[in-house]
Protein backbone atom coordinates (compact mmCIF):
# COMPACT_ATOMS: atom_id res chain seq x y z
CA MET A 1 -0.06 0.00 0.06
CA LEU A 2 1.43 3.42 -1.01
CA MET A 3 1.10 6.48 1.07
CA PRO A 4 2.59 10.12 0.99
CA ALA A 5 6.37 10.41 1.59
CA LEU A 6 7.30 11.55 5.25
CA ASP A 7 8.10 15.20 5.76
CA ALA A 8 11.33 14.99 7.58
CA ALA A 9 11.21 18.59 8.47
CA VAL A 10 7.89 18.19 10.27
CA VAL A 11 8.98 14.90 11.97
CA GLY A 12 12.09 16.77 13.27
CA ARG A 13 9.86 19.35 14.76
CA ARG A 14 7.43 17.11 16.64
CA ASP A 15 8.25 18.25 20.01
CA GLU A 16 8.04 21.92 19.07
CA LEU A 17 4.54 20.97 17.44
CA ALA A 18 3.48 19.10 20.44
CA ALA A 19 4.23 22.20 22.72
CA GLU A 20 2.27 24.40 20.61
CA LEU A 21 -0.74 22.14 20.56
CA ARG A 22 -0.49 22.01 24.38
CA ARG A 23 -1.10 25.77 24.60
CA ILE A 24 -4.52 24.92 22.95
CA LEU A 25 -5.30 21.46 24.79
CA PRO A 26 -4.54 20.19 28.23
CA HIS A 27 -1.35 18.25 28.38
CA ASP A 28 -2.91 14.94 28.62
CA SER A 29 -4.79 15.65 25.47
CA VAL A 30 -1.75 15.75 23.20
CA LEU A 31 -0.31 12.20 22.93
CA THR A 32 3.26 11.70 22.07
CA GLY A 33 4.48 8.63 23.83
CA GLU A 34 4.59 5.37 21.64
CA ASP A 35 2.20 3.47 24.05
CA GLU A 36 -0.11 6.30 23.96
CA ARG A 37 -0.33 6.51 20.18
CA ARG A 38 -0.47 2.93 19.51
CA PRO A 39 -4.25 2.59 19.92
CA TYR A 40 -4.53 4.94 17.00
CA GLU A 41 -2.29 3.05 14.57
CA SER A 42 -5.09 1.81 12.49
CA ASP A 43 -8.83 1.80 11.88
CA GLY A 44 -11.08 -1.22 11.20
CA LEU A 45 -8.85 -2.16 8.31
CA THR A 46 -6.18 -3.63 10.62
CA ALA A 47 -3.93 -5.08 8.16
CA TYR A 48 -2.37 -1.50 7.53
CA ARG A 49 -0.90 0.16 10.54
CA GLN A 50 1.24 3.29 11.05
CA LEU A 51 1.95 5.24 14.25
CA PRO A 52 0.92 8.90 14.02
CA LEU A 53 3.35 11.49 14.58
CA LEU A 54 1.17 12.60 17.59
CA VAL A 55 -2.43 12.61 18.65
CA ALA A 56 -4.38 15.70 19.48
CA LEU A 57 -7.96 15.20 21.31
CA PRO A 58 -9.93 18.53 21.17
CA GLU A 59 -13.19 18.98 23.00
CA THR A 60 -14.58 21.98 21.26
CA THR A 61 -14.83 23.48 17.78
CA ALA A 62 -12.55 26.42 18.78
CA GLN A 63 -10.10 24.01 19.64
CA VAL A 64 -10.33 22.07 16.34
CA SER A 65 -9.93 25.63 14.54
CA ALA A 66 -6.76 26.46 16.55
CA ILE A 67 -5.24 23.06 15.93
CA LEU A 68 -5.65 23.23 12.24
CA LYS A 69 -4.19 26.73 12.18
CA VAL A 70 -1.07 25.57 14.11
CA CYS A 71 -0.77 22.40 11.92
CA ALA A 72 -1.07 24.75 8.86
CA ALA A 73 1.57 26.96 9.96
CA PHE A 74 3.89 23.88 10.77
CA GLY A 75 3.10 22.30 7.18
CA ALA A 76 1.88 19.38 9.25
CA LYS A 77 -0.64 16.87 7.62
CA VAL A 78 -3.97 16.02 9.63
CA VAL A 79 -5.98 12.90 9.64
CA PRO A 80 -9.54 13.35 11.23
CA ARG A 81 -10.68 10.14 13.01
CA GLY A 82 -13.94 9.51 14.77
CA ALA A 83 -14.46 6.10 16.45
CA GLY A 84 -12.00 4.43 14.12
CA THR A 85 -14.50 1.73 12.72
CA SER A 86 -13.88 2.54 9.29
CA LEU A 87 -13.12 -0.61 7.07
CA SER A 88 -11.28 1.15 4.28
CA GLY A 89 -8.31 2.64 5.97
CA GLY A 90 -9.88 6.13 5.82
CA ALA A 91 -8.46 7.01 9.38
CA LEU A 92 -5.00 5.41 8.85
CA PRO A 93 -2.58 7.73 10.56
CA LEU A 94 0.49 9.34 8.85
CA GLY A 95 3.92 9.19 10.25
CA ASP A 96 4.23 13.02 9.77
CA GLY A 97 0.80 13.80 10.64
CA VAL A 98 -1.28 14.79 13.49
CA LEU A 99 -4.23 12.23 14.18
CA LEU A 100 -7.03 14.51 15.17
CA GLY A 101 -9.26 12.33 17.32
CA LEU A 102 -12.84 13.81 17.85
CA ALA A 103 -14.17 11.34 20.30
CA LYS A 104 -14.30 13.84 22.98
CA LEU A 105 -16.81 15.92 21.14
CA ASN A 106 -19.54 13.54 22.17
CA ARG A 107 -22.59 15.58 23.41
CA ILE A 108 -26.08 15.87 21.85
CA LEU A 109 -26.47 19.59 21.68
CA ASP A 110 -30.28 20.01 20.74
CA ILE A 111 -33.27 17.83 20.33
CA ASP A 112 -35.92 19.65 18.38
CA TYR A 113 -39.13 17.51 18.11
CA PRO A 114 -41.25 20.21 16.42
CA ASN A 115 -38.61 20.36 13.72
CA ARG A 116 -37.95 16.73 13.97
CA CYS A 117 -34.22 16.96 14.19
CA VAL A 118 -31.18 16.43 16.47
CA VAL A 119 -27.99 18.60 16.72
CA ALA A 120 -25.14 16.46 17.75
CA GLN A 121 -21.28 16.72 17.98
CA PRO A 122 -19.29 14.42 15.69
CA GLY A 123 -18.19 11.80 18.43
CA VAL A 124 -21.72 10.97 19.44
CA ALA A 125 -22.36 7.31 18.47
CA ASN A 126 -24.90 6.55 15.91
CA LEU A 127 -27.33 4.56 18.24
CA SER A 128 -27.16 7.16 20.85
CA ILE A 129 -29.19 9.45 18.83
CA THR A 130 -31.97 6.89 18.57
CA ARG A 131 -31.85 6.23 22.27
CA ALA A 132 -32.18 9.90 23.12
CA VAL A 133 -35.45 10.26 21.25
CA GLU A 134 -37.01 6.90 21.40
CA GLY A 135 -39.09 7.86 24.46
CA ARG A 136 -41.04 10.21 22.26
CA GLY A 137 -41.52 7.64 19.56
CA PHE A 138 -38.84 8.85 17.23
CA TYR A 139 -35.52 7.31 15.82
CA TYR A 140 -32.52 7.98 13.53
CA ALA A 141 -32.82 5.84 10.37
CA PRO A 142 -29.32 4.98 9.10
CA ASP A 143 -28.21 2.05 11.20
CA PRO A 144 -24.73 0.59 10.18
CA SER A 145 -23.87 -2.63 11.82
CA SER A 146 -21.54 -0.99 14.03
CA GLN A 147 -24.04 1.62 15.09
CA VAL A 148 -23.35 1.01 18.89
CA VAL A 149 -19.86 2.43 18.48
CA CYS A 150 -19.57 4.27 15.14
CA SER A 151 -19.78 8.03 15.48
CA ILE A 152 -22.20 10.22 13.41
CA GLY A 153 -19.31 12.37 12.24
CA GLY A 154 -17.68 9.20 10.77
CA ASN A 155 -21.05 8.42 9.36
CA VAL A 156 -21.06 11.76 7.44
CA ALA A 157 -17.48 11.25 6.26
CA GLU A 158 -18.13 7.79 4.69
CA ASN A 159 -21.93 8.50 4.02
CA ALA A 160 -22.74 5.32 5.86
CA GLY A 161 -25.91 3.30 5.30
CA GLY A 162 -27.28 0.15 7.14
CA VAL A 163 -29.86 -2.57 6.80
CA HIS A 164 -32.79 -0.03 6.56
CA CYS A 165 -31.14 2.23 4.07
CA LEU A 166 -33.38 0.71 1.29
CA LYS A 167 -36.46 2.71 2.28
CA TYR A 168 -35.15 5.36 4.47
CA GLY A 169 -31.86 6.30 2.84
CA MET A 170 -28.16 6.64 3.46
CA THR A 171 -26.63 9.27 5.86
CA THR A 172 -26.82 11.97 3.09
CA ASN A 173 -30.74 11.45 2.90
CA ASN A 174 -31.04 12.19 6.66
CA LEU A 175 -28.73 15.09 6.99
CA LEU A 176 -29.76 18.48 7.42
CA GLY A 177 -26.79 20.72 8.38
CA LEU A 178 -23.12 20.73 9.30
CA GLU A 179 -20.56 22.74 11.12
CA ALA A 180 -17.03 22.11 9.72
CA VAL A 181 -13.66 23.53 10.01
CA LEU A 182 -11.26 24.02 6.93
CA MET A 183 -7.58 23.36 7.17
CA SER A 184 -7.10 27.07 7.40
CA GLY A 185 -9.00 27.13 10.72
CA GLU A 186 -12.12 28.88 9.18
CA VAL A 187 -15.34 27.52 10.60
CA ILE A 188 -18.10 27.12 8.14
CA ARG A 189 -21.74 26.29 8.56
CA ILE A 190 -23.90 24.63 5.96
CA GLY A 191 -27.69 24.01 6.14
CA GLY A 192 -29.36 23.78 9.41
CA LYS A 193 -32.73 22.66 10.69
CA HIS A 194 -34.48 23.63 7.40
CA LEU A 195 -35.25 21.14 4.84
CA ASP A 196 -32.93 22.54 2.04
CA ALA A 197 -29.83 24.83 2.08
CA GLY A 198 -29.88 27.49 -0.60
CA GLY A 199 -27.03 27.99 -3.22
CA TYR A 200 -24.44 25.27 -4.20
CA ASP A 201 -24.99 21.71 -2.72
CA ILE A 202 -21.78 22.00 -0.18
CA LEU A 203 -23.78 19.57 2.13
CA GLY A 204 -23.66 16.91 -0.62
CA VAL A 205 -20.01 17.67 -1.41
CA LEU A 206 -18.77 17.09 2.22
CA THR A 207 -21.01 14.14 2.77
CA GLY A 208 -18.87 11.10 2.01
CA SER A 209 -15.79 13.27 1.45
CA GLU A 210 -13.79 10.96 3.65
CA GLY A 211 -12.09 13.72 5.68
CA LEU A 212 -10.41 15.22 2.60
CA LEU A 213 -12.16 18.53 2.51
CA ALA A 214 -13.08 19.68 6.22
CA VAL A 215 -13.28 18.49 9.79
CA ILE A 216 -16.75 17.88 10.86
CA THR A 217 -17.55 19.39 14.27
CA GLU A 218 -21.41 19.38 14.42
CA VAL A 219 -24.19 17.41 12.64
CA THR A 220 -27.78 18.24 12.33
CA VAL A 221 -29.86 15.14 11.32
CA ARG A 222 -33.56 14.42 10.77
CA ILE A 223 -35.33 12.11 13.07
CA LEU A 224 -38.44 10.02 12.07
CA CYS A 225 -41.51 8.82 13.78
CA LYS A 226 -41.28 5.03 14.70
CA PRO A 227 -43.58 3.22 12.43
CA GLU A 228 -46.75 1.92 13.74
CA THR A 229 -46.15 -1.63 12.77
CA ALA A 230 -42.98 -3.45 11.65
CA ARG A 231 -42.97 -7.15 10.72
CA ALA A 232 -40.13 -9.11 9.49
CA LEU A 233 -40.10 -12.11 7.18
CA LEU A 234 -37.23 -14.76 7.50
CA ILE A 235 -37.34 -16.65 4.11
CA GLY A 236 -34.99 -19.49 3.29
CA PHE A 237 -34.06 -20.56 -0.24
CA ALA A 238 -32.49 -23.50 -1.73
CA SER A 239 -30.06 -21.48 -3.74
CA VAL A 240 -28.66 -17.83 -3.46
CA GLU A 241 -29.85 -17.25 -7.16
CA ALA A 242 -33.53 -17.87 -6.01
CA ALA A 243 -33.13 -15.32 -3.07
CA GLY A 244 -31.66 -12.88 -5.56
CA ALA A 245 -34.72 -13.44 -7.78
CA CYS A 246 -37.21 -12.73 -4.86
CA VAL A 247 -35.35 -9.52 -4.28
CA ALA A 248 -35.65 -8.36 -7.92
CA ASN A 249 -39.31 -9.38 -8.18
CA THR A 250 -40.30 -7.71 -4.83
CA ILE A 251 -38.74 -4.21 -6.08
CA ALA A 252 -40.28 -4.91 -9.48
CA ALA A 253 -43.64 -5.36 -7.87
CA GLY A 254 -43.47 -1.76 -6.35
CA ILE A 255 -42.78 -2.87 -2.88
CA ILE A 256 -39.99 -0.94 -0.95
CA PRO A 257 -39.24 -2.91 2.44
CA GLY A 258 -37.88 -1.17 5.32
CA GLY A 259 -34.86 -3.63 5.12
CA MET A 260 -33.94 -6.42 2.79
CA GLU A 261 -30.80 -8.38 3.69
CA LEU A 262 -29.37 -11.57 2.10
CA MET A 263 -26.95 -13.98 3.72
CA ASP A 264 -25.56 -17.21 2.21
CA ARG A 265 -24.87 -20.63 3.88
CA PRO A 266 -21.43 -19.88 5.49
CA ALA A 267 -22.70 -16.50 6.98
CA ILE A 268 -26.04 -18.06 8.22
CA HIS A 269 -24.25 -21.06 10.02
CA ALA A 270 -21.82 -18.36 11.61
CA ALA A 271 -24.52 -16.10 12.76
CA GLU A 272 -26.79 -18.75 14.02
CA ALA A 273 -23.98 -20.25 16.19
CA PHE A 274 -23.13 -16.81 17.54
CA THR A 275 -26.56 -15.52 18.15
CA HIS A 276 -29.31 -18.32 17.97
CA ALA A 277 -31.54 -16.23 15.94
CA GLY A 278 -33.53 -19.22 14.56
CA TYR A 279 -32.06 -19.19 10.95
CA PRO A 280 -32.90 -22.29 8.85
CA LEU A 281 -29.66 -24.21 8.73
CA ASP A 282 -30.71 -26.20 5.75
CA ALA A 283 -31.07 -23.17 3.48
CA GLU A 284 -28.36 -22.13 0.95
CA ALA A 285 -29.50 -18.53 1.55
CA ILE A 286 -31.93 -16.49 3.70
CA LEU A 287 -33.61 -13.12 3.14
CA ILE A 288 -34.74 -10.97 5.94
CA VAL A 289 -37.45 -8.69 4.68
CA GLU A 290 -39.05 -5.94 6.90
CA LEU A 291 -42.29 -4.44 6.06
CA ASP A 292 -43.24 -1.36 8.19
CA GLY A 293 -46.00 1.26 8.28
CA PRO A 294 -49.76 1.06 9.46
CA ALA A 295 -50.61 -2.38 10.73
CA ALA A 296 -52.90 -3.17 7.66
CA GLU A 297 -50.26 -2.03 5.14
CA ALA A 298 -47.49 -4.15 6.77
CA GLU A 299 -49.82 -7.20 7.04
CA GLU A 300 -50.71 -6.94 3.28
CA LEU A 301 -47.24 -6.29 2.01
CA SER A 302 -46.00 -9.34 4.13
CA LEU A 303 -48.43 -11.49 2.57
CA ARG A 304 -47.57 -10.19 -0.97
CA VAL A 305 -43.76 -10.83 -0.35
CA ALA A 306 -44.50 -14.28 1.04
CA ASP A 307 -46.19 -15.12 -2.30
CA ILE A 308 -43.44 -13.61 -4.22
CA ALA A 309 -41.06 -15.74 -2.41
CA ALA A 310 -43.09 -18.94 -2.86
CA ALA A 311 -43.12 -18.28 -6.64
CA VAL A 312 -39.38 -18.46 -6.96
CA GLY A 313 -39.04 -21.52 -4.66
CA ALA A 314 -38.71 -20.56 -1.12
CA THR A 315 -38.16 -23.40 1.15
CA SER A 316 -39.28 -21.61 4.23
CA VAL A 317 -41.16 -18.39 5.20
CA ARG A 318 -41.55 -17.30 8.73
CA ALA A 319 -43.14 -14.11 9.94
CA SER A 320 -42.18 -12.47 13.24
CA ALA A 321 -44.86 -12.93 15.74
CA SER A 322 -43.70 -10.03 18.06
CA ASP A 323 -41.23 -7.23 18.03
CA GLU A 324 -38.97 -9.24 20.11
CA GLU A 325 -38.78 -11.89 17.47
CA ARG A 326 -38.18 -9.26 14.61
CA LEU A 327 -35.33 -7.88 16.50
CA LYS A 328 -33.97 -11.41 16.94
CA PHE A 329 -33.82 -12.02 13.34
CA TRP A 330 -31.97 -8.67 12.85
CA LYS A 331 -29.67 -9.51 15.75
CA GLY A 332 -28.26 -12.36 13.67
CA ARG A 333 -27.74 -10.23 10.69
CA LYS A 334 -26.06 -7.41 12.44
CA ALA A 335 -23.87 -9.72 14.31
CA ALA A 336 -22.75 -11.37 11.15
CA PHE A 337 -19.25 -9.51 10.86
CA PRO A 338 -18.12 -10.74 14.52
CA ALA A 339 -19.81 -13.98 13.89
CA VAL A 340 -17.58 -14.87 10.80
CA GLY A 341 -14.68 -13.87 12.84
CA ARG A 342 -15.16 -17.28 14.68
CA ILE A 343 -14.82 -19.41 11.69
CA ALA A 344 -11.46 -18.13 10.41
CA PRO A 345 -8.47 -16.48 12.13
CA ASP A 346 -8.85 -13.41 9.83
CA TYR A 347 -11.22 -12.01 7.32
CA TYR A 348 -11.25 -9.07 4.72
CA CYS A 349 -14.58 -7.38 4.63
CA MET A 350 -15.31 -5.98 1.02
CA ASP A 351 -17.90 -3.33 -0.01
CA GLY A 352 -19.24 -2.88 -3.48
CA THR A 353 -22.42 -2.02 -5.15
CA ILE A 354 -24.07 -3.69 -8.13
CA PRO A 355 -27.46 -3.28 -10.03
CA ARG A 356 -29.76 -5.81 -8.34
CA ARG A 357 -30.49 -7.71 -11.46
CA LYS A 358 -26.87 -8.63 -11.59
CA LEU A 359 -26.77 -10.29 -8.23
CA PRO A 360 -26.87 -13.94 -9.34
CA GLN A 361 -24.02 -13.25 -12.04
CA VAL A 362 -21.85 -11.65 -9.35
CA LEU A 363 -22.41 -14.28 -6.74
CA THR A 364 -21.33 -16.95 -9.34
CA ARG A 365 -18.13 -14.85 -10.24
CA ILE A 366 -17.36 -14.63 -6.25
CA GLY A 367 -17.70 -18.47 -6.12
CA GLU A 368 -15.30 -18.86 -9.02
CA LEU A 369 -12.77 -16.43 -7.54
CA SER A 370 -13.12 -18.27 -4.20
CA LYS A 371 -11.93 -21.45 -6.00
CA HIS A 372 -9.25 -19.67 -8.00
CA TYR A 373 -7.59 -18.00 -4.75
CA GLY A 374 -8.28 -21.09 -2.56
CA LEU A 375 -10.00 -18.93 0.08
CA GLY A 376 -13.48 -19.34 1.61
CA VAL A 377 -15.91 -16.46 1.44
CA ALA A 378 -19.16 -15.67 3.40
CA ASN A 379 -21.65 -13.32 1.77
CA VAL A 380 -23.63 -10.77 3.53
CA PHE A 381 -25.61 -8.20 1.23
CA HIS A 382 -27.84 -5.29 1.57
CA ALA A 383 -29.74 -7.04 -0.98
CA GLY A 384 -32.40 -4.42 -1.67
CA ASP A 385 -29.95 -1.76 -3.00
CA GLY A 386 -27.29 -4.06 -4.25
CA ASN A 387 -24.52 -3.33 -1.69
CA LEU A 388 -22.39 -6.37 -1.27
CA HIS A 389 -20.26 -7.28 1.58
CA PRO A 390 -18.39 -10.53 0.87
CA LEU A 391 -16.20 -11.61 3.74
CA ILE A 392 -13.09 -13.31 2.47
CA LEU A 393 -11.54 -15.76 4.94
CA TYR A 394 -7.90 -16.01 5.46
CA ASP A 395 -5.09 -16.66 7.89
CA ALA A 396 -2.65 -13.66 8.15
CA ASN A 397 -0.15 -16.05 9.80
CA GLN A 398 0.05 -18.20 6.62
CA PRO A 399 2.56 -16.56 4.20
CA GLY A 400 0.85 -15.18 0.93
CA GLU A 401 -2.80 -15.43 2.36
CA LEU A 402 -3.31 -11.80 2.91
CA ASP A 403 -1.88 -10.97 -0.52
CA ARG A 404 -4.32 -13.51 -2.13
CA ALA A 405 -7.14 -12.07 -0.04
CA GLU A 406 -6.59 -8.60 -1.16
CA ALA A 407 -6.24 -9.89 -4.98
CA PHE A 408 -9.50 -11.64 -4.42
CA GLY A 409 -11.17 -8.60 -3.13
CA ALA A 410 -9.78 -6.30 -5.93
CA ASP A 411 -11.24 -8.68 -8.48
CA ILE A 412 -14.66 -8.65 -6.73
CA LEU A 413 -14.57 -4.80 -7.02
CA ARG A 414 -13.47 -5.11 -10.69
CA GLU A 415 -16.60 -7.35 -11.33
CA CYS A 416 -18.71 -4.76 -9.60
CA VAL A 417 -17.63 -2.07 -11.85
CA ALA A 418 -17.68 -4.42 -15.03
CA VAL A 419 -21.50 -5.18 -14.47
CA GLY A 420 -22.44 -1.46 -13.98
CA GLY A 421 -21.77 -0.88 -10.42
CA VAL A 422 -19.36 1.16 -8.24
CA LEU A 423 -16.41 0.52 -5.98
CA THR A 424 -18.06 1.24 -2.75
CA GLY A 425 -21.58 1.47 -1.21
CA GLU A 426 -20.78 2.82 2.32
CA HIS A 427 -17.46 1.81 3.35
CA GLY A 428 -15.54 4.53 1.33
CA VAL A 429 -12.41 4.39 -0.71
CA GLY A 430 -9.80 5.25 1.68
CA VAL A 431 -6.56 3.39 1.03
CA GLU A 432 -8.27 0.15 0.46
CA LYS A 433 -9.78 0.89 -2.97
CA ARG A 434 -7.69 3.89 -3.84
CA ASP A 435 -5.52 2.19 -6.50
CA LEU A 436 -8.66 0.76 -8.09
CA MET A 437 -10.14 4.19 -8.82
CA PRO A 438 -9.00 4.14 -12.33
CA GLU A 439 -11.00 1.09 -12.96
CA MET A 440 -14.07 3.40 -12.68
CA PHE A 441 -12.78 6.92 -13.40
CA THR A 442 -10.66 8.25 -16.26
CA ALA A 443 -7.62 10.52 -15.46
CA VAL A 444 -9.72 13.55 -16.48
CA ASP A 445 -12.38 12.49 -14.00
CA LEU A 446 -10.02 12.06 -11.15
CA ALA A 447 -8.36 15.48 -11.91
CA GLN A 448 -11.59 17.12 -11.69
CA GLN A 449 -12.26 15.60 -8.33
CA GLN A 450 -9.03 16.66 -7.15
CA ARG A 451 -9.79 20.11 -8.25
CA LEU A 452 -12.64 20.09 -5.95
CA LYS A 453 -10.38 19.05 -2.97
CA CYS A 454 -8.08 21.84 -3.82
CA ALA A 455 -10.72 24.37 -3.60
CA PHE A 456 -11.30 23.37 0.15
CA ASP A 457 -7.56 22.19 1.04
CA ALA A 458 -5.06 23.97 -1.32
CA GLU A 459 -2.08 22.42 0.36
CA GLY A 460 -3.47 18.98 0.38
CA ALA A 461 -2.86 18.58 4.03
CA LEU A 462 -6.20 16.94 5.02
CA ASN A 463 -5.94 13.17 4.93
CA PRO A 464 -3.57 13.05 2.18
CA GLY A 465 -2.91 9.55 0.36
CA LYS A 466 -6.61 8.60 0.57
CA VAL A 467 -9.08 8.18 -2.31
CA PHE A 468 -6.83 9.42 -5.10
CA PRO A 469 -4.20 6.90 -6.68
CA THR A 470 -1.83 9.59 -8.07
CA LEU A 471 -0.70 12.74 -6.02
CA HIS A 472 -1.17 15.99 -7.89
CA ARG A 473 -0.08 19.46 -6.37
CA CYS A 474 -2.46 22.15 -5.82
CA ALA A 475 -1.52 25.55 -7.17
CA GLU A 476 -2.80 28.80 -5.77
CA MET A 477 -6.62 29.50 -6.06
CA GLY A 478 -7.34 25.90 -5.55
CA ARG A 479 -6.22 24.80 -9.18
CA VAL A 480 -4.58 21.58 -9.94
CA HIS A 481 -1.09 21.44 -11.59
CA VAL A 482 -0.85 18.18 -13.26
CA HIS A 483 2.75 17.03 -13.47
CA ARG A 484 3.90 15.39 -16.77
CA GLY A 485 4.87 12.52 -14.73
CA GLU A 486 3.07 10.87 -11.87
CA THR A 487 3.96 11.23 -8.33
CA ARG A 488 3.44 7.87 -6.59
CA PHE A 489 3.16 7.13 -2.97
CA PRO A 490 5.81 5.20 -1.10
CA ASP A 491 5.02 2.19 1.08
CA VAL A 492 3.07 2.04 4.25
CA PRO A 493 3.59 -0.86 6.69
CA ARG A 494 1.33 -3.74 6.46
CA PHE A 495 0.73 -6.36 9.12
């Protein structure tokens, strides 16, 4: 994996930089010792690790602004980090950069029921927003599997989704406003409690920007009324192809479930052993389909989906008889990632998105690649919107297996693009998919994207080495100077 070259001048001034940051923060909020920095050496993509130059832990927007001004003056790079749950290396530190940890900005600032929104600092955990408002019958819809710990600021940076994003949308569809700090230290506010912000869609630009444009310090999200009724169907199939046909036929019938998740046999067995959710162990694939709304609507749609499933050869259909049973169905799905960790020493979690109709074709190709690379795979999908999460099983202690797992994953993503899909659905590009960007974009496309980054961060100091496979320099006024040759990134340690 390739990353920007270390700036020896900045590394040599580490103590001086730390001293300046301690003028802004308490002494123990600037971490310089090796043991103190070690917990920040990677995010959820643990195969890649790098100790940051130092770690700064602000508690206010004013402190974030002051820190960025100091870093800009020193020419130091900055990597923003939320809860560190990113699976694409988006929060991988730099050896000559400040790791800006935002976990201490963890307060819910305002709950506005009349306007149905919540204002929160970026370190607030996703699920904490729902827990803060559920007593009044509200909830926050995007629900990543890591929602107990992942931060709302990180959700914005990666445009996170979840099992209910089919009907209720990704983070971007539930976001109303942001406060953010530019690398210059300037604080900007975009949107607010109103439905739409005027002018350019800067809110859309910042959502999913992976920490390359600004540091998010406040988030305003919409909250929804809890549906009157929610019913989940647990449907077993004799083949993954039949499950894929059920997905396509359900959407084609005009039914948009609250959630629609697919798991194949290895994932079913792992999740059942881990959570005892009641999954049918004789099935090659299961679908969890949740229908919500008024009781009559949920009942009618449940019957229609059951008929669609039967028409494509479902081997079992079980409807949740209570809310507790519904949550039990989902518990197995949301625990699929840790459950798979019990059946292999390591696994590599992929993330790509395809047109729904291509699901059988891509699943067949994943099976072929599994045999080619000699590595197992468990498949977990947000089937309704085509977001795939193949979990490639390997053992990092066996020479060459990590390399094969990465090559396997890269081929899956190439297949996603080849069938008309994209490289990522919600995990982001980070460093994991960075060098695959030319599979999807031309050099002209990538240069245009980098011009946008330069408009926000002319020196390229925010989270460099992520997303873009080739390093271009920003000239004054945010223009990109494209070199005749390419500047490639040197290696970063991998474990």
